[in-house]
Amino acid sequence: MAKTASLSLREDSLIWTEFIKTGNNIHLERAVFETLPVFINHQTIQQKLTATKLINFLKETVKKNNLTPKDLRLTIPGRFSLIKKIAIDPVIPEQNREEAVAFEFEKLWEESNQNYHIYLPENSTSEKMITVAIRKSVLKFFNQIFDEAQLPVSIITSSCFTIEELATQLYPNSNGHNLLLGWQRRGFDAIVTENQAFHSYVFKNYNNKLNPVESVSEFDLANSFSNLLFDLQHPKILNKPLLDIQTIYNYGYYFKPEWLDFMRNRVQVPINLFNIDASSLITITTSESDIPPEQIFRYIEPISNYSE
């Protein structure tokens, strides 16, 4: 069976997994976590030294861990993209919808659409489309570092979409609104699904200083979680809750299962780990003794970029 290498690259860390998908089973053979030597954001990617450090780091990581850089799939944080549900007037001909979407992006962010690659969904006939725009400079940066590190990437995807897709497979009976909550080093990735479909994505830092999770108290993490959930369910522009969250699934390398206690004390919503479900259409197994099945939630991001 062909082995897939999948890499989740975040602002200050990466997780590299190697797995084999057979039918409805994903068998995880390797999982490596590393902290990056430089912080990635829209400012630092403009600096030549950032690319140089990452190229050398990637080469060393592959060599040190004896990794297999074949069929390499890459996920990047959702906040590197502009993700919006855009309403399209049904009278607009399909061949003109891309131009209409570009105009909507330009209205929303007051920036020329020439700076972005804009991706329409495969079915662009819907009146409301989840549309993605990624800065061309961001794509150029990632392509450069992986090309120069001699790591051929076959797919670059925003992790919020691959995670949502895997969730629909792992939890086929989830209806209504559900929250897939990623605990990253400096904040939450909050992915909302609606009736087994992508609804929205937002990033919220743990505090205004963008402190890493290691230096944020459990009390402040609990408050940040409560505030996030309140903001999702009570948007300021509406007089009533927009979302009725049915279940929360937690994932992310930095999440600690004991935090489930303070989460459950704060809200009356079922809260679980984003882990293997007995009723799943897909099962995940692992070869590594240091990654027991109950710890799969830590590696969901790269695993979610699986091959069909």
Protein backbone atom coordinates (compact mmCIF):
# COMPACT_ATOMS: atom_id res chain seq x y z
CA MET A 1 0.00 0.00 0.00
CA ALA A 2 1.21 3.55 -0.75
CA LYS A 3 2.34 5.58 2.21
CA THR A 4 1.22 9.20 2.50
CA ALA A 5 3.29 11.85 4.23
CA SER A 6 1.22 14.71 5.59
CA LEU A 7 2.58 17.82 7.23
CA SER A 8 0.68 20.38 9.31
CA LEU A 9 2.70 23.59 9.34
CA ARG A 10 1.66 26.21 11.86
CA GLU A 11 3.12 29.58 12.86
CA ASP A 12 5.69 28.12 15.25
CA SER A 13 5.51 24.32 14.99
CA LEU A 14 4.91 21.41 12.67
CA ILE A 15 3.53 17.89 12.89
CA TRP A 16 4.67 15.37 10.28
CA THR A 17 2.69 12.14 9.98
CA GLU A 18 3.09 9.12 7.74
CA PHE A 19 0.12 6.84 7.28
CA ILE A 20 -1.49 4.28 5.02
CA LYS A 21 -5.19 4.45 4.13
CA THR A 22 -6.82 1.14 3.32
CA GLY A 23 -10.54 1.24 2.73
CA ASN A 24 -12.06 2.92 5.77
CA ASN A 25 -8.94 2.61 7.93
CA ILE A 26 -6.16 5.15 8.36
CA HIS A 27 -3.10 3.47 9.88
CA LEU A 28 -0.71 5.99 11.44
CA GLU A 29 2.87 4.74 11.21
CA ARG A 30 4.87 7.85 12.21
CA ALA A 31 4.16 11.13 13.97
CA VAL A 32 6.83 13.76 14.64
CA PHE A 33 6.29 17.09 16.39
CA GLU A 34 8.87 19.88 16.12
CA THR A 35 9.04 23.54 17.16
CA LEU A 36 10.03 25.88 14.34
CA PRO A 37 13.15 28.08 14.63
CA VAL A 38 11.18 31.15 13.50
CA PHE A 39 7.63 32.48 13.83
CA ILE A 40 5.64 32.55 10.58
CA ASN A 41 3.24 35.41 9.92
CA HIS A 42 2.52 37.86 7.11
CA GLN A 43 5.43 40.05 8.17
CA THR A 44 8.13 37.41 8.65
CA ILE A 45 7.47 35.67 5.33
CA GLN A 46 8.67 38.84 3.65
CA GLN A 47 12.11 38.36 5.22
CA LYS A 48 14.70 36.27 3.36
CA LEU A 49 16.12 34.91 6.64
CA THR A 50 12.77 33.30 7.51
CA ALA A 51 12.82 31.17 4.36
CA THR A 52 16.50 30.24 4.85
CA LYS A 53 15.95 29.09 8.42
CA LEU A 54 12.88 27.04 7.51
CA ILE A 55 14.55 25.39 4.52
CA ASN A 56 17.50 24.26 6.64
CA PHE A 57 15.18 23.20 9.44
CA LEU A 58 13.00 21.06 7.15
CA LYS A 59 16.03 19.32 5.66
CA GLU A 60 17.40 18.56 9.12
CA THR A 61 14.03 17.34 10.43
CA VAL A 62 13.63 14.88 7.56
CA LYS A 63 17.18 13.60 7.97
CA LYS A 64 17.10 13.38 11.78
CA ASN A 65 13.79 11.50 11.90
CA ASN A 66 14.36 9.39 8.77
CA LEU A 67 11.10 10.64 7.29
CA THR A 68 9.65 9.68 3.90
CA PRO A 69 9.00 12.82 1.81
CA LYS A 70 6.79 11.14 -0.79
CA ASP A 71 3.30 12.27 -1.80
CA LEU A 72 3.72 15.08 0.71
CA ARG A 73 0.51 16.87 1.62
CA LEU A 74 0.56 20.18 3.45
CA THR A 75 -2.03 21.90 5.61
CA ILE A 76 -1.64 25.52 6.65
CA PRO A 77 -3.61 27.48 9.28
CA GLY A 78 -6.99 28.78 8.22
CA ARG A 79 -6.01 32.28 9.27
CA PHE A 80 -3.52 32.44 6.38
CA SER A 81 -6.62 32.56 4.19
CA LEU A 82 -9.68 34.76 3.84
CA ILE A 83 -12.70 32.48 4.22
CA LYS A 84 -16.15 33.90 3.68
CA LYS A 85 -19.64 32.77 2.80
CA ILE A 86 -20.56 35.10 -0.03
CA ALA A 87 -24.09 35.60 -1.28
CA ILE A 88 -24.37 35.54 -5.07
CA ASP A 89 -27.34 36.94 -6.92
CA PRO A 90 -28.86 33.97 -8.81
CA VAL A 91 -29.38 36.12 -11.92
CA ILE A 92 -25.57 36.43 -12.36
CA PRO A 93 -24.44 33.99 -15.10
CA GLU A 94 -22.14 31.22 -13.84
CA GLN A 95 -19.27 32.39 -16.08
CA ASN A 96 -19.38 35.78 -14.33
CA ARG A 97 -19.50 34.52 -10.75
CA GLU A 98 -15.75 34.51 -10.23
CA GLU A 99 -15.64 38.22 -11.08
CA ALA A 100 -18.54 38.86 -8.69
CA VAL A 101 -16.78 36.99 -5.87
CA ALA A 102 -13.57 38.97 -6.46
CA PHE A 103 -15.59 42.17 -6.19
CA GLU A 104 -17.09 41.02 -2.87
CA PHE A 105 -13.63 40.27 -1.45
CA GLU A 106 -12.42 43.69 -2.54
CA LYS A 107 -15.40 45.34 -0.81
CA LEU A 108 -14.89 43.42 2.42
CA TRP A 109 -11.15 43.90 2.83
CA GLU A 110 -10.46 47.07 0.85
CA GLU A 111 -7.55 45.38 -0.88
CA SER A 112 -7.06 44.59 -4.54
CA ASN A 113 -8.13 41.07 -5.53
CA GLN A 114 -4.97 41.01 -7.67
CA ASN A 115 -3.08 40.17 -4.46
CA TYR A 116 -5.00 36.92 -4.00
CA HIS A 117 -5.69 33.55 -5.50
CA ILE A 118 -9.45 33.12 -5.19
CA TYR A 119 -10.91 29.62 -5.02
CA LEU A 120 -14.54 28.91 -5.75
CA PRO A 121 -16.21 25.69 -4.54
CA GLU A 122 -16.61 22.93 -7.07
CA ASN A 123 -20.34 23.52 -7.10
CA SER A 124 -20.46 27.27 -7.66
CA THR A 125 -24.16 27.36 -8.56
CA SER A 126 -25.25 27.86 -4.95
CA GLU A 127 -26.51 31.31 -3.99
CA LYS A 128 -24.25 31.28 -0.89
CA MET A 129 -20.75 29.98 -1.49
CA ILE A 130 -17.91 29.27 0.92
CA THR A 131 -15.11 31.04 -0.91
CA VAL A 132 -11.40 31.16 -0.09
CA ALA A 133 -8.80 33.76 -0.99
CA ILE A 134 -5.10 33.19 -0.25
CA ARG A 135 -2.47 35.87 -0.68
CA LYS A 136 -0.20 35.10 -3.60
CA SER A 137 2.80 36.03 -1.45
CA VAL A 138 1.85 33.30 1.06
CA LEU A 139 1.61 30.60 -1.61
CA LYS A 140 4.88 31.77 -3.14
CA PHE A 141 6.57 31.55 0.25
CA PHE A 142 5.43 27.99 0.97
CA ASN A 143 6.23 26.81 -2.54
CA GLN A 144 9.71 28.32 -2.27
CA ILE A 145 10.70 26.75 1.05
CA PHE A 146 9.48 23.28 0.08
CA ASP A 147 11.02 23.41 -3.38
CA GLU A 148 14.40 24.48 -1.99
CA ALA A 149 14.17 21.90 0.79
CA GLN A 150 13.58 19.31 -1.98
CA LEU A 151 10.25 18.26 -0.48
CA PRO A 152 7.69 17.86 -3.27
CA VAL A 153 4.26 18.98 -2.04
CA SER A 154 1.32 17.58 -3.99
CA ILE A 155 -1.47 19.42 -2.13
CA ILE A 156 -1.62 22.61 -0.05
CA THR A 157 -4.87 22.93 1.88
CA SER A 158 -6.24 25.07 4.66
CA SER A 159 -6.50 22.75 7.67
CA CYS A 160 -9.98 23.94 8.62
CA PHE A 161 -11.42 22.27 5.51
CA THR A 162 -9.63 18.93 5.86
CA ILE A 163 -10.58 18.75 9.55
CA GLU A 164 -14.22 19.50 8.75
CA GLU A 165 -14.22 16.81 6.08
CA LEU A 166 -12.76 14.21 8.45
CA ALA A 167 -15.29 15.17 11.13
CA THR A 168 -18.16 14.38 8.79
CA GLN A 169 -16.67 10.90 8.39
CA LEU A 170 -15.89 10.29 12.06
CA TYR A 171 -19.20 11.66 13.34
CA PRO A 172 -21.80 10.82 10.70
CA ASN A 173 -24.73 11.36 13.07
CA SER A 174 -23.83 14.94 14.02
CA ASN A 175 -26.61 17.35 13.11
CA GLY A 176 -27.20 21.04 13.63
CA HIS A 177 -24.24 23.22 14.54
CA ASN A 178 -21.09 21.61 15.91
CA LEU A 179 -17.82 23.22 16.97
CA LEU A 180 -14.46 21.69 16.05
CA LEU A 181 -12.14 23.47 18.47
CA GLY A 182 -8.41 23.44 17.77
CA TRP A 183 -6.17 24.41 20.69
CA GLN A 184 -3.13 25.91 19.03
CA ARG A 185 -0.12 27.43 20.75
CA ARG A 186 -1.46 31.01 20.75
CA GLY A 187 -5.19 30.64 20.29
CA PHE A 188 -8.23 28.72 19.12
CA ASP A 189 -9.07 27.52 15.64
CA ALA A 190 -12.86 27.46 15.76
CA ILE A 191 -14.51 25.56 12.91
CA VAL A 192 -18.31 25.45 12.87
CA THR A 193 -20.21 22.84 10.89
CA GLU A 194 -23.89 22.92 10.05
CA ASN A 195 -25.72 19.71 9.20
CA GLN A 196 -22.53 17.95 8.08
CA ALA A 197 -21.31 20.90 6.01
CA PHE A 198 -18.73 23.65 6.55
CA HIS A 199 -20.31 26.74 8.09
CA SER A 200 -17.54 29.12 9.21
CA TYR A 201 -14.05 29.50 10.63
CA VAL A 202 -12.53 32.00 13.06
CA PHE A 203 -9.28 32.30 15.00
CA LYS A 204 -9.31 33.75 18.53
CA ASN A 205 -6.14 34.26 20.53
CA TYR A 206 -6.06 33.23 24.21
CA ASN A 207 -5.35 36.80 25.28
CA ASN A 208 -4.60 40.18 23.74
CA LYS A 209 -0.83 39.69 24.08
CA LEU A 210 -0.89 36.53 21.92
CA ASN A 211 0.89 34.67 24.73
CA PRO A 212 1.65 30.98 24.10
CA VAL A 213 -0.57 28.50 25.88
CA GLU A 214 2.25 27.49 28.24
CA SER A 215 2.19 30.92 29.87
CA VAL A 216 -1.61 31.31 30.05
CA SER A 217 -3.28 30.21 33.30
CA GLU A 218 -5.98 27.56 33.28
CA PHE A 219 -8.40 30.14 34.63
CA ASP A 220 -7.68 32.48 31.71
CA LEU A 221 -7.98 29.61 29.23
CA ALA A 222 -11.38 28.80 30.68
CA ASN A 223 -12.46 32.44 30.34
CA SER A 224 -11.17 32.61 26.77
CA PHE A 225 -13.11 29.47 25.88
CA SER A 226 -16.30 30.86 27.44
CA ASN A 227 -15.90 34.17 25.61
CA LEU A 228 -15.33 32.43 22.30
CA LEU A 229 -18.45 30.32 22.67
CA PHE A 230 -20.50 33.35 23.71
CA ASP A 231 -19.26 35.36 20.71
CA LEU A 232 -20.14 32.54 18.34
CA GLN A 233 -23.65 32.18 19.72
CA HIS A 234 -24.34 35.88 20.29
CA PRO A 235 -22.89 37.89 17.41
CA LYS A 236 -23.11 41.62 18.05
CA ILE A 237 -24.99 42.35 14.84
CA LEU A 238 -27.92 40.11 15.80
CA ASN A 239 -30.49 40.25 18.60
CA LYS A 240 -30.59 36.50 19.06
CA PRO A 241 -28.05 33.64 18.93
CA LEU A 242 -26.90 32.79 15.44
CA LEU A 243 -25.57 29.35 16.34
CA ASP A 244 -26.98 26.63 18.55
CA ILE A 245 -23.89 24.50 19.22
CA GLN A 246 -24.86 20.84 19.71
CA THR A 247 -21.42 19.31 20.42
CA ILE A 248 -17.83 20.52 20.83
CA TYR A 249 -14.94 18.35 19.61
CA ASN A 250 -11.46 19.36 20.85
CA TYR A 251 -8.22 18.75 18.99
CA GLY A 252 -4.69 20.13 18.80
CA TYR A 253 -1.23 19.16 19.99
CA TYR A 254 -1.40 21.51 22.98
CA PHE A 255 -4.77 20.42 24.33
CA LYS A 256 -4.79 18.63 27.70
CA PRO A 257 -7.71 16.23 28.32
CA GLU A 258 -7.99 17.43 31.91
CA TRP A 259 -9.19 20.79 30.51
CA LEU A 260 -12.45 19.06 29.61
CA ASP A 261 -13.45 19.53 33.26
CA PHE A 262 -13.38 23.33 33.27
CA MET A 263 -15.04 23.41 29.86
CA ARG A 264 -17.91 21.23 31.03
CA ASN A 265 -18.30 23.37 34.13
CA ARG A 266 -18.68 26.49 31.99
CA VAL A 267 -21.27 25.37 29.43
CA GLN A 268 -24.11 22.88 29.13
CA VAL A 269 -23.00 21.56 25.75
CA PRO A 270 -21.63 18.01 25.24
CA ILE A 271 -17.85 18.34 25.04
CA ASN A 272 -15.58 15.58 23.73
CA LEU A 273 -12.17 14.91 22.26
CA PHE A 274 -11.85 14.79 18.46
CA ASN A 275 -10.97 11.11 18.62
CA ILE A 276 -11.94 7.73 17.25
CA ASP A 277 -15.70 7.12 17.46
CA ALA A 278 -17.10 3.59 17.65
CA SER A 279 -19.78 4.51 15.11
CA SER A 280 -17.33 6.10 12.68
CA LEU A 281 -17.23 5.36 9.00
CA ILE A 282 -13.45 5.72 9.29
CA THR A 283 -11.19 4.16 11.92
CA ILE A 284 -7.71 5.33 12.87
CA THR A 285 -5.08 2.93 14.17
CA THR A 286 -1.48 3.57 15.10
CA SER A 287 1.82 1.70 15.18
CA GLU A 288 3.61 4.04 17.57
CA SER A 289 3.52 2.98 21.20
CA ASP A 290 3.86 6.59 22.36
CA ILE A 291 0.66 7.58 20.52
CA PRO A 292 -2.16 5.60 22.14
CA PRO A 293 -5.56 5.76 20.40
CA GLU A 294 -6.91 8.25 22.95
CA GLN A 295 -4.16 10.71 21.90
CA ILE A 296 -5.16 10.80 18.23
CA PHE A 297 -6.76 14.23 18.76
CA ARG A 298 -3.26 15.75 18.99
CA TYR A 299 -2.44 14.74 15.40
CA ILE A 300 -5.80 15.28 13.70
CA GLU A 301 -4.61 18.14 11.48
CA PRO A 302 -2.10 16.26 9.31
CA ILE A 303 -4.11 13.03 9.50
CA SER A 304 -7.15 14.85 8.12
CA ASN A 305 -5.31 15.49 4.84
CA TYR A 306 -5.70 11.86 3.86
CA SER A 307 -5.83 10.28 0.41
CA GLU A 308 -9.09 9.09 -1.02
